[in-house]
C-alpha cells in the first residue's frame, strides 16, 4: 500500500514584499519626474514608458537587460530620451522589479504587479494635481501683482472677476501676443513666458 505524501504550501505574505514594491515604485517615480508626460489626463499618459514596461513583464519578459533595451527603444520611437539621472532611476526600477518577481512565486506575480502599478499611478496622479494647483496659485499671484484687486482686473479684462481665488489655470493656447489680442490673452501669454515653459501638456487644461 502506498503511503500518501502531503505537502503543505505556505501562503506567500504580500506585505513582506511591500518594501521591494515601494523601492521599484520610488525609482520609477523618479524616472518619470525626468520624463514629463505629454498628457496627465489618463493613466496611460501618466505612466508613460513604465506602463509599457509593466505590460511586457506581465506578458512574461523578466530579463532586466531586455526590459532596459525595450524601454530605450520606446524612447527612440517617441524622440524623448531620458537624462542620465532619469536613465539611472529607470535601471533601478527595473532591477527592483525583476528581483521582486524572482523572490516570489509565479502565482502571486499578477497581484504584486497590480500593487506596483496602481500604487505608482496614485503617486503620479497626486503629483499632477499638486503641480496643477501650484501653477494655478502662481497664475493668481501673477495677476494680484499686476492688478492688485479684482475691480481693476475686471476693468482691464472687460469681464466680471468676483475673486482671484476662483480663477482657473488657463492653457497656453489661450494666450496671444498679436496686435488684436485682448488684455486677458496678453496676460496669459506673459504668465506662461514667466514660467519658462516650452511644452504644454494636457494637465494645464481646465477640467
Protein backbone atom coordinates (compact mmCIF):
# COMPACT_ATOMS: atom_id res chain seq x y z
CA UNK A 1 0.00 0.00 0.00
CA UNK A 2 1.34 3.35 -0.98
CA UNK A 3 1.66 5.97 1.70
CA UNK A 4 0.20 9.30 0.55
CA UNK A 5 2.60 12.20 0.59
CA UNK A 6 1.20 15.50 1.79
CA UNK A 7 2.79 18.83 1.02
CA UNK A 8 1.95 21.94 2.96
CA UNK A 9 2.23 25.08 0.86
CA UNK A 10 2.83 28.14 2.98
CA UNK A 11 0.90 31.17 1.70
CA UNK A 12 3.07 33.98 0.39
CA UNK A 13 2.88 37.09 2.54
CA UNK A 14 2.34 40.00 0.17
CA UNK A 15 3.03 42.51 2.93
CA UNK A 16 6.61 41.26 3.25
CA UNK A 17 7.14 42.13 -0.40
CA UNK A 18 5.88 45.69 0.09
CA UNK A 19 9.34 47.22 0.72
CA UNK A 20 10.53 45.85 -2.64
CA UNK A 21 7.38 47.13 -4.33
CA UNK A 22 7.93 50.56 -2.78
CA UNK A 23 11.56 50.62 -3.89
CA UNK A 24 10.55 49.91 -7.50
CA UNK A 25 7.72 52.44 -7.27
CA UNK A 26 10.03 55.15 -5.96
CA UNK A 27 12.62 54.54 -8.69
CA UNK A 28 10.02 54.60 -11.46
CA UNK A 29 8.51 57.76 -9.99
CA UNK A 30 11.92 59.50 -10.03
CA UNK A 31 12.41 58.36 -13.61
CA UNK A 32 9.04 59.79 -14.67
CA UNK A 33 9.90 63.08 -12.95
CA UNK A 34 12.70 63.36 -15.51
CA UNK A 35 10.49 62.40 -18.44
CA UNK A 36 7.46 64.67 -18.39
CA UNK A 37 4.39 63.01 -19.90
CA UNK A 38 2.65 64.54 -22.89
CA UNK A 39 -0.66 64.13 -21.09
CA UNK A 40 -1.73 63.72 -17.47
CA UNK A 41 -5.43 63.24 -18.17
CA UNK A 42 -5.27 59.43 -18.28
CA UNK A 43 -3.48 56.56 -16.58
CA UNK A 44 -1.83 55.68 -19.88
CA UNK A 45 -0.49 59.22 -20.24
CA UNK A 46 0.79 59.45 -16.68
CA UNK A 47 2.52 56.08 -16.64
CA UNK A 48 4.35 56.71 -19.92
CA UNK A 49 7.03 54.11 -20.75
CA UNK A 50 6.65 52.48 -17.31
CA UNK A 51 3.18 51.29 -18.28
CA UNK A 52 4.65 49.61 -21.35
CA UNK A 53 7.41 48.04 -19.25
CA UNK A 54 4.87 46.59 -16.80
CA UNK A 55 2.89 45.26 -19.75
CA UNK A 56 5.98 43.47 -21.05
CA UNK A 57 6.64 41.99 -17.62
CA UNK A 58 3.06 40.73 -17.35
CA UNK A 59 3.47 39.03 -20.73
CA UNK A 60 6.47 37.09 -19.40
CA UNK A 61 9.55 39.22 -20.14
CA UNK A 62 11.61 39.20 -16.93
CA UNK A 63 15.17 39.69 -18.20
CA UNK A 64 16.42 43.08 -16.91
CA UNK A 65 18.73 43.75 -19.87
CA UNK A 66 15.91 43.04 -22.32
CA UNK A 67 13.49 45.29 -20.42
CA UNK A 68 16.01 48.14 -20.34
CA UNK A 69 16.64 47.80 -24.05
CA UNK A 70 12.88 47.79 -24.66
CA UNK A 71 12.47 50.99 -22.63
CA UNK A 72 15.18 52.76 -24.62
CA UNK A 73 13.52 51.63 -27.84
CA UNK A 74 10.28 53.23 -26.64
CA UNK A 75 12.16 56.48 -26.08
CA UNK A 76 13.75 56.34 -29.52
CA UNK A 77 10.33 55.89 -31.07
CA UNK A 78 8.97 58.99 -29.30
CA UNK A 79 12.11 61.10 -29.63
CA UNK A 80 12.15 61.89 -25.92
CA UNK A 81 15.35 60.47 -24.47
CA UNK A 82 15.84 60.42 -20.68
CA UNK A 83 18.66 62.26 -18.93
CA UNK A 84 21.48 60.35 -17.24
CA UNK A 85 19.67 60.75 -13.90
CA UNK A 86 16.42 59.52 -15.39
CA UNK A 87 18.11 56.56 -17.03
CA UNK A 88 19.71 55.56 -13.73
CA UNK A 89 16.35 55.69 -11.97
CA UNK A 90 14.80 53.61 -14.77
CA UNK A 91 17.51 50.96 -14.37
CA UNK A 92 16.97 50.87 -10.62
CA UNK A 93 13.23 50.47 -11.06
CA UNK A 94 13.63 47.58 -13.48
CA UNK A 95 16.23 45.89 -11.25
CA UNK A 96 13.95 46.16 -8.19
CA UNK A 97 11.03 44.81 -10.22
CA UNK A 98 12.91 41.80 -11.56
CA UNK A 99 14.31 41.00 -8.09
CA UNK A 100 10.80 41.24 -6.63
CA UNK A 101 9.44 38.69 -9.08
CA UNK A 102 12.44 36.40 -8.69
CA UNK A 103 11.88 36.30 -4.93
CA UNK A 104 8.18 35.43 -5.17
CA UNK A 105 6.15 32.52 -6.55
CA UNK A 106 4.66 32.86 -10.02
CA UNK A 107 1.16 32.53 -8.57
CA UNK A 108 1.35 35.97 -6.94
CA UNK A 109 3.15 37.87 -9.72
CA UNK A 110 -0.02 39.47 -11.07
CA UNK A 111 -1.02 40.67 -7.61
CA UNK A 112 2.42 42.14 -6.97
CA UNK A 113 2.41 43.90 -10.32
CA UNK A 114 -1.04 45.32 -9.62
CA UNK A 115 0.19 46.72 -6.32
CA UNK A 116 3.10 48.38 -8.06
CA UNK A 117 1.00 49.56 -11.00
CA UNK A 118 -1.79 51.22 -9.03
CA UNK A 119 0.47 52.43 -6.23
CA UNK A 120 2.62 54.25 -8.78
CA UNK A 121 -0.46 55.59 -10.56
CA UNK A 122 -1.73 57.06 -7.28
CA UNK A 123 1.63 58.76 -6.68
CA UNK A 124 1.67 60.23 -10.18
CA UNK A 125 -1.94 61.41 -10.06
CA UNK A 126 -1.32 63.11 -6.72
CA UNK A 127 1.77 64.87 -8.10
CA UNK A 128 -0.17 66.03 -11.17
CA UNK A 129 -2.95 67.51 -9.04
CA UNK A 130 -0.47 69.24 -6.73
CA UNK A 131 1.51 70.59 -9.69
CA UNK A 132 -1.60 71.98 -11.36
CA UNK A 133 -2.74 73.71 -8.18
CA UNK A 134 0.74 75.16 -7.65
CA UNK A 135 0.62 76.59 -11.18
CA UNK A 136 -2.85 77.99 -10.56
CA UNK A 137 -1.63 79.76 -7.42
CA UNK A 138 1.28 81.18 -9.42
CA UNK A 139 -1.21 82.49 -12.00
CA UNK A 140 -3.26 84.13 -9.24
CA UNK A 141 -0.11 85.64 -7.75
CA UNK A 142 0.87 86.99 -11.17
CA UNK A 143 -2.48 88.75 -11.54
CA UNK A 144 -2.52 90.06 -7.97
CA UNK A 145 0.91 91.56 -8.51
CA UNK A 146 -0.20 93.28 -11.71
CA UNK A 147 -3.72 94.44 -10.83
CA UNK A 148 -3.80 94.42 -7.02
CA UNK A 149 -7.57 93.89 -6.79
CA UNK A 150 -10.48 92.23 -8.58
CA UNK A 151 -12.09 95.53 -9.61
CA UNK A 152 -9.05 96.58 -11.61
CA UNK A 153 -8.71 93.12 -13.15
CA UNK A 154 -12.40 93.11 -14.13
CA UNK A 155 -12.00 96.53 -15.75
CA UNK A 156 -8.96 95.54 -17.79
CA UNK A 157 -10.32 92.14 -18.84
CA UNK A 158 -13.77 93.59 -19.51
CA UNK A 159 -15.41 90.75 -17.62
CA UNK A 160 -16.57 90.24 -14.06
CA UNK A 161 -13.99 88.63 -11.76
CA UNK A 162 -15.55 88.11 -8.33
CA UNK A 163 -12.46 86.67 -6.66
CA UNK A 164 -8.87 85.91 -7.60
CA UNK A 165 -9.21 82.58 -5.78
CA UNK A 166 -11.93 81.40 -8.17
CA UNK A 167 -9.79 81.78 -11.29
CA UNK A 168 -8.88 78.64 -13.22
CA UNK A 169 -5.47 77.97 -14.73
CA UNK A 170 -5.60 78.90 -18.44
CA UNK A 171 -3.94 76.88 -21.16
CA UNK A 172 -1.00 78.35 -23.02
CA UNK A 173 -3.15 78.26 -26.16
CA UNK A 174 -5.46 80.83 -24.58
CA UNK A 175 -2.68 83.42 -24.65
CA UNK A 176 -1.73 85.67 -27.52
CA UNK A 177 0.73 88.47 -28.24
CA UNK A 178 -0.79 89.64 -31.51
CA UNK A 179 -1.96 93.21 -32.07
CA UNK A 180 -5.59 92.14 -31.81
CA UNK A 181 -5.07 90.18 -28.58
CA UNK A 182 -7.24 91.13 -25.62
CA UNK A 183 -5.64 92.17 -22.33
CA UNK A 184 -6.57 88.78 -20.91
CA UNK A 185 -4.88 86.95 -23.78
CA UNK A 186 -1.78 89.09 -23.34
CA UNK A 187 -1.74 88.30 -19.62
CA UNK A 188 -2.00 84.58 -20.28
CA UNK A 189 0.90 84.73 -22.74
CA UNK A 190 3.02 86.80 -20.35
CA UNK A 191 2.31 84.40 -17.47
CA UNK A 192 3.39 81.29 -19.37
CA UNK A 193 6.52 83.09 -20.55
CA UNK A 194 7.29 83.95 -16.92
CA UNK A 195 7.00 80.26 -16.07
CA UNK A 196 9.69 79.39 -18.58
CA UNK A 197 7.61 76.62 -20.14
CA UNK A 198 8.39 75.33 -23.60
CA UNK A 199 5.98 72.38 -23.74
CA UNK A 200 2.28 72.46 -22.95
CA UNK A 201 0.84 69.29 -21.51
CA UNK A 202 -2.83 68.49 -21.10
CA UNK A 203 -2.55 68.81 -17.32
CA UNK A 204 -2.78 72.54 -17.84
CA UNK A 205 -6.21 72.40 -19.41
CA UNK A 206 -9.27 73.28 -17.40
CA UNK A 207 -11.12 70.11 -16.40
